[in-house]
Protein backbone atom coordinates (compact mmCIF):
# COMPACT_ATOMS: atom_id res chain seq x y z
CA MET A 1 0.00 0.00 0.00
CA SER A 2 1.44 3.40 -0.96
CA SER A 3 2.02 6.16 1.57
CA LEU A 4 0.61 9.68 1.63
CA HIS A 5 4.03 10.93 0.56
CA GLU A 6 3.96 8.76 -2.54
CA ARG A 7 0.36 9.71 -3.33
CA LEU A 8 1.20 13.43 -3.11
CA ALA A 9 4.20 12.88 -5.37
CA ASP A 10 1.93 11.24 -7.97
CA ALA A 11 -0.51 14.16 -7.69
CA ARG A 12 2.30 16.66 -8.25
CA GLN A 13 3.34 14.89 -11.42
CA THR A 14 -0.24 14.81 -12.68
CA MET A 15 -0.49 18.58 -12.23
CA VAL A 16 2.89 19.27 -13.78
CA ARG A 17 1.91 17.26 -16.85
CA ALA A 18 -1.19 19.47 -17.06
CA GLY A 19 1.01 22.55 -17.33
CA ILE A 20 1.04 23.73 -13.71
CA PRO A 21 4.49 24.92 -12.56
CA ALA A 22 6.27 22.40 -10.34
CA ASP A 23 6.44 24.57 -7.21
CA GLU A 24 2.76 25.47 -7.51
CA ALA A 25 1.83 21.83 -8.14
CA ALA A 26 3.68 20.75 -5.00
CA LEU A 27 1.83 23.27 -2.87
CA ASP A 28 -1.54 22.48 -4.45
CA ALA A 29 -1.09 18.73 -3.94
CA GLU A 30 -0.45 19.37 -0.26
CA VAL A 31 -3.34 21.81 0.16
CA LEU A 32 -5.77 19.36 -1.46
CA ALA A 33 -4.57 16.57 0.82
CA ARG A 34 -5.04 18.75 3.88
CA HIS A 35 -8.49 19.67 2.63
CA VAL A 36 -9.52 16.02 2.30
CA LEU A 37 -7.96 14.98 5.60
CA GLU A 38 -9.15 18.13 7.39
CA CYS A 39 -5.75 18.61 9.02
CA ASP A 40 -3.05 21.26 9.24
CA ARG A 41 0.35 21.13 7.58
CA ALA A 42 2.18 19.87 10.65
CA THR A 43 -0.20 16.92 10.96
CA LEU A 44 0.13 16.12 7.28
CA LEU A 45 3.92 16.08 7.53
CA THR A 46 3.88 13.75 10.51
CA ARG A 47 1.57 11.37 8.62
CA ALA A 48 3.47 11.52 5.31
CA ARG A 49 4.87 7.98 5.55
CA ASP A 50 1.63 6.47 6.82
CA PRO A 51 -0.52 4.26 4.58
CA ILE A 52 -3.27 6.10 2.74
CA PRO A 53 -6.53 6.21 4.73
CA SER A 54 -9.22 4.07 3.13
CA ALA A 55 -11.54 6.97 2.27
CA PHE A 56 -8.78 9.26 1.05
CA GLY A 57 -7.75 7.94 -2.35
CA ARG A 58 -10.86 8.35 -4.47
CA LEU A 59 -11.85 11.77 -3.11
CA TYR A 60 -8.30 13.07 -3.38
CA GLN A 61 -8.00 11.86 -6.96
CA THR A 62 -11.22 13.66 -7.87
CA LEU A 63 -9.82 16.93 -6.56
CA VAL A 64 -6.45 16.40 -8.23
CA ASP A 65 -8.21 15.77 -11.54
CA ARG A 66 -10.15 19.01 -11.15
CA ARG A 67 -6.94 20.93 -10.49
CA ALA A 68 -5.24 19.22 -13.44
CA ALA A 69 -8.13 20.50 -15.57
CA ARG A 70 -6.86 23.92 -14.40
CA GLU A 71 -9.78 24.68 -12.12
CA PRO A 72 -8.51 27.23 -9.57
CA LEU A 73 -7.49 25.79 -6.24
CA ALA A 74 -9.62 28.35 -4.40
CA TYR A 75 -12.79 27.15 -6.12
CA ILE A 76 -11.95 23.53 -5.32
CA VAL A 77 -11.37 24.08 -1.61
CA GLY A 78 -13.96 26.88 -1.42
CA HIS A 79 -11.93 29.61 0.26
CA ARG A 80 -9.06 32.08 -0.14
CA GLU A 81 -7.20 34.27 2.35
CA PHE A 82 -7.30 38.05 1.99
CA TRP A 83 -6.00 40.63 4.47
CA GLY A 84 -5.31 37.82 6.93
CA LEU A 85 -8.96 36.72 6.81
CA GLU A 86 -10.50 33.63 5.24
CA PHE A 87 -13.16 34.23 2.60
CA GLU A 88 -15.56 31.83 0.97
CA VAL A 89 -15.21 31.88 -2.81
CA THR A 90 -17.35 30.25 -5.49
CA PRO A 91 -17.34 30.49 -9.30
CA ALA A 92 -19.79 33.40 -8.90
CA VAL A 93 -17.00 35.68 -7.64
CA LEU A 94 -13.51 36.73 -8.63
CA ILE A 95 -10.84 35.08 -6.48
CA PRO A 96 -9.23 37.73 -4.22
CA ARG A 97 -5.68 38.63 -5.23
CA PRO A 98 -2.84 39.87 -3.00
CA GLU A 99 -2.47 43.07 -5.04
CA THR A 100 -6.02 44.08 -4.13
CA GLU A 101 -4.83 44.40 -0.52
CA LEU A 102 -3.11 47.59 -1.73
CA ILE A 103 -6.57 49.19 -1.77
CA VAL A 104 -6.96 48.50 1.95
CA GLU A 105 -3.44 49.80 2.65
CA GLU A 106 -4.14 52.99 0.73
CA ALA A 107 -7.48 53.48 2.47
CA LEU A 108 -5.71 53.32 5.83
CA SER A 109 -3.12 55.80 4.57
CA ALA A 110 -5.72 58.21 3.14
CA ILE A 111 -7.85 58.12 6.30
CA PRO A 112 -5.36 57.50 9.14
CA SER A 113 -7.96 58.06 11.86
CA ARG A 114 -10.03 54.90 12.11
CA ASP A 115 -12.93 56.96 13.46
CA ALA A 116 -13.00 59.48 10.60
CA ALA A 117 -14.78 57.40 7.97
CA ARG A 118 -18.54 57.51 8.33
CA LEU A 119 -19.55 55.82 5.07
CA ILE A 120 -17.50 53.59 2.77
CA VAL A 121 -18.75 52.23 -0.56
CA ASP A 122 -17.30 49.12 -2.22
CA VAL A 123 -18.29 49.08 -5.89
CA GLY A 124 -18.53 45.59 -7.40
CA THR A 125 -17.92 43.81 -4.14
CA GLY A 126 -17.70 40.23 -5.46
CA SER A 127 -16.69 38.05 -2.52
CA GLY A 128 -16.96 41.05 -0.21
CA CYS A 129 -13.28 40.89 0.67
CA LEU A 130 -12.73 44.65 0.47
CA ALA A 131 -15.96 45.57 2.25
CA VAL A 132 -15.30 43.13 5.09
CA ALA A 133 -11.65 44.12 5.49
CA LEU A 134 -12.55 47.81 5.54
CA ALA A 135 -15.40 47.22 8.00
CA ILE A 136 -12.92 45.59 10.35
CA GLU A 137 -10.30 48.32 9.90
CA PHE A 138 -12.78 51.21 10.28
CA PRO A 139 -15.00 50.02 13.15
CA PRO A 140 -17.41 53.02 13.34
CA ALA A 141 -18.07 53.18 9.60
CA ALA A 142 -21.19 52.04 7.81
CA LEU A 143 -20.61 50.41 4.44
CA VAL A 144 -22.46 49.88 1.20
CA ALA A 145 -21.34 47.02 -1.05
CA THR A 146 -22.78 46.85 -4.55
CA ASP A 147 -22.77 44.19 -7.22
CA ALA A 148 -24.72 43.38 -10.38
CA SER A 149 -24.66 39.66 -9.49
CA ARG A 150 -27.12 38.36 -6.92
CA GLU A 151 -25.03 35.21 -6.56
CA ALA A 152 -21.96 37.29 -5.72
CA LEU A 153 -23.89 39.29 -3.13
CA GLU A 154 -24.99 36.07 -1.45
CA VAL A 155 -21.34 35.01 -1.12
CA ALA A 156 -20.37 38.46 0.16
CA GLU A 157 -23.13 38.40 2.77
CA ARG A 158 -21.95 35.03 4.06
CA ASN A 159 -18.43 36.36 4.33
CA ALA A 160 -19.62 39.41 6.23
CA GLU A 161 -21.52 37.13 8.60
CA ARG A 162 -18.44 34.92 9.03
CA HIS A 163 -16.43 37.95 10.18
CA ASN A 164 -19.18 39.49 12.32
CA VAL A 165 -19.71 42.67 10.27
CA LEU A 166 -22.94 41.76 8.48
CA GLY A 167 -24.95 44.32 10.45
CA ARG A 168 -22.74 47.18 9.27
CA ILE A 169 -22.76 46.47 5.53
CA ALA A 170 -25.72 47.14 3.24
CA PHE A 171 -25.49 44.83 0.23
CA VAL A 172 -27.12 46.40 -2.81
CA TYR A 173 -27.98 44.69 -6.09
CA THR A 174 -27.24 47.41 -8.63
CA ASP A 175 -25.02 48.43 -11.51
CA LEU A 176 -21.95 50.10 -10.00
CA LEU A 177 -23.17 53.18 -8.05
CA ARG A 178 -26.64 53.55 -9.54
CA ALA A 179 -28.59 52.86 -6.34
CA VAL A 180 -26.16 54.59 -3.95
CA SER A 181 -27.14 57.91 -2.37
CA SER A 182 -25.34 60.98 -3.70
CA GLY A 183 -22.79 63.09 -1.85
CA THR A 184 -22.35 61.07 1.34
CA ALA A 185 -19.37 58.71 1.10
CA ASP A 186 -15.99 59.47 2.63
CA LEU A 187 -14.35 56.66 0.67
CA ILE A 188 -15.24 54.70 -2.45
CA VAL A 189 -13.18 51.66 -3.41
CA CYS A 190 -13.41 49.58 -6.55
CA ASN A 191 -11.65 46.57 -8.03
CA PRO A 192 -13.39 46.68 -11.41
CA PRO A 193 -13.18 44.37 -14.42
CA TYR A 194 -10.20 45.73 -16.37
CA VAL A 195 -8.93 42.98 -18.68
CA PRO A 196 -9.14 44.19 -22.31
CA ASP A 197 -11.62 42.08 -24.26
CA GLY A 198 -8.95 41.12 -26.78
CA ASP A 199 -6.72 39.62 -24.07
CA ALA A 200 -9.14 36.78 -23.30
CA ALA A 201 -7.10 34.20 -25.22
CA THR A 202 -3.92 35.12 -23.34
CA LEU A 203 -5.27 34.55 -19.85
CA GLN A 204 -4.22 31.57 -17.76
CA PRO A 205 -6.77 28.74 -18.03
CA GLU A 206 -7.59 29.15 -14.33
CA VAL A 207 -8.76 32.68 -15.07
CA GLY A 208 -10.19 32.55 -18.59
CA ARG A 209 -12.07 29.27 -18.20
CA TYR A 210 -13.38 29.57 -14.68
CA GLU A 211 -13.64 33.10 -13.26
CA PRO A 212 -16.80 35.11 -14.05
CA PRO A 213 -16.38 37.10 -17.29
CA SER A 214 -18.39 39.99 -15.84
CA ALA A 215 -15.68 40.44 -13.22
CA LEU A 216 -12.83 40.25 -15.73
CA TYR A 217 -13.44 42.13 -18.97
CA GLY A 218 -13.58 45.90 -19.24
CA GLY A 219 -14.06 46.65 -22.93
CA PRO A 220 -11.60 47.12 -25.80
CA ASP A 221 -8.90 48.80 -23.69
CA GLY A 222 -10.07 47.42 -20.33
CA LEU A 223 -11.02 50.87 -19.03
CA ASP A 224 -14.75 51.05 -19.80
CA VAL A 225 -15.89 50.29 -16.24
CA ILE A 226 -13.14 52.40 -14.68
CA ARG A 227 -14.28 55.41 -16.75
CA ARG A 228 -17.85 54.90 -15.57
CA VAL A 229 -16.74 54.71 -11.95
CA LEU A 230 -14.63 57.85 -12.36
CA THR A 231 -17.64 59.62 -13.85
CA ASP A 232 -20.24 58.49 -11.34
CA ALA A 233 -18.17 58.57 -8.14
CA ARG A 234 -17.87 62.36 -8.22
CA GLN A 235 -21.47 62.86 -7.18
CA HIS A 236 -21.38 60.15 -4.52
CA LEU A 237 -18.44 61.42 -2.49
CA ALA A 238 -18.60 63.94 0.31
CA ALA A 239 -16.35 67.00 -0.06
CA GLY A 240 -12.74 65.89 0.21
CA GLY A 241 -13.69 62.25 -0.23
CA TRP A 242 -11.37 59.59 -1.64
CA LEU A 243 -11.69 57.16 -4.55
CA ILE A 244 -9.29 54.21 -4.72
CA VAL A 245 -9.37 52.08 -7.87
CA GLU A 246 -7.39 49.05 -9.02
CA PHE A 247 -6.32 48.76 -12.65
CA GLY A 248 -4.28 46.46 -14.88
CA PHE A 249 -0.88 46.19 -16.50
CA GLY A 250 -0.09 49.06 -18.85
CA GLN A 251 -3.20 51.07 -17.91
CA GLU A 252 -1.70 53.74 -15.66
CA ALA A 253 -1.50 56.41 -18.37
CA GLY A 254 -5.09 55.77 -19.44
CA VAL A 255 -6.36 55.94 -15.86
CA ARG A 256 -4.47 59.18 -15.20
CA GLU A 257 -5.78 60.75 -18.39
CA ALA A 258 -9.38 59.75 -17.69
CA ALA A 259 -9.17 60.90 -14.07
CA ARG A 260 -7.71 64.30 -14.85
CA GLY A 261 -10.19 64.82 -17.66
CA LEU A 262 -13.00 64.37 -15.14
CA GLY A 263 -11.50 66.72 -12.57
CA TRP A 264 -9.92 64.22 -10.21
CA SER A 265 -6.68 64.91 -8.39
CA VAL A 266 -4.38 61.88 -8.75
CA GLU A 267 -2.79 61.81 -5.30
CA ARG A 268 -0.61 58.78 -5.95
CA VAL A 269 -0.32 55.45 -7.77
CA ARG A 270 0.77 52.31 -5.92
CA SER A 271 2.68 49.47 -7.54
CA ASP A 272 2.52 45.81 -6.59
CA LEU A 273 5.46 43.68 -5.46
CA GLN A 274 6.49 43.16 -9.08
CA GLY A 275 6.69 46.91 -9.59
CA ILE A 276 3.55 47.02 -11.74
CA PRO A 277 1.35 50.11 -11.14
CA ARG A 278 -1.91 48.74 -9.72
CA VAL A 279 -3.88 51.19 -7.61
CA ALA A 280 -4.82 54.84 -8.19
CA VAL A 281 -5.63 57.03 -5.19
CA LEU A 282 -7.85 59.92 -6.27
CA ARG A 283 -9.52 62.83 -4.54
CA ARG A 284 -12.39 65.12 -5.40
C-alpha cells in the first residue's frame, strides 16, 4: 500500500503534466490533501509515511483531476485568504488577489484616523473581501457594497456574517453606483473588471475558463468600467472624499488621463510587489 508521501508525489506529477508549474503543483497537492484529511500542515507532515486512509484515495484523486483541468485551487477548496482573513469563494466571484490588498493599505493611509470614515462604498464587491476588510479596519463606519450579481452578493453576505460585520454592511444589487445615495461617502473603493476584451485568449486557463467574465473584462482597452466609476463617483463622495481604484498592466496612463479629464486629483499610484502600477488614489 502506498504512503501519503507517494500519493502526493503522484498528484504533483499529474499537475505538472497538465502545465502547472512544479512549485505550484507541490503546494496544491499538499493543500488538497489537507483539505480532504481536514488537518493542518504539521499533521500532514507527521503522517506523510503512513498508509493512505481508506476513504482518502478516491476523493483526493477527484480533486487532483479538477486541479489538473486547471480549475482554480480556491474554487476547489472553497476559500481564499485576503488581508489575513479567510473568505468563501465560489465560481460566482472573482478570487481575491494579493495586489487588491493595496486598496486597503491605501485606504488606511488616506484616512489614518479609524474613526473618521462615516460611510465607505465598495463598488462591485464580489466576494466582499474589500468591504469586510474595511469594515474591520474602520470600526465606526457604515458600508455599502454593490454588485450586479445576486449570486456574488450572497457570497459576500456570508463572508460578512463569518467575520461578524454583516450588520454594518448594506449589500445592494445594482449596476456600480446607480442605487447609492449621492454626496455622502468618505471613501469609495473599486476593483473593477479591467482585462481588455482582446486579451481573453492570453489569460491563464484558471482565469479565462473559470472566473466570471463579468468580473474580468472591461471593454476594448479594459477601461470602460473604470471610466464609468470615475464619472459616477464624483457625485457620490462627500467634499474631500477619496476614490481608490485598481487597474491592470499598462493602464496607468489611461487611468491618469481619464481621471484628470474628469476633474480628479491623482494623489498617488501604488505598484505591486512586481513593480507594476496597480492602484490609483484619487480625490475630489
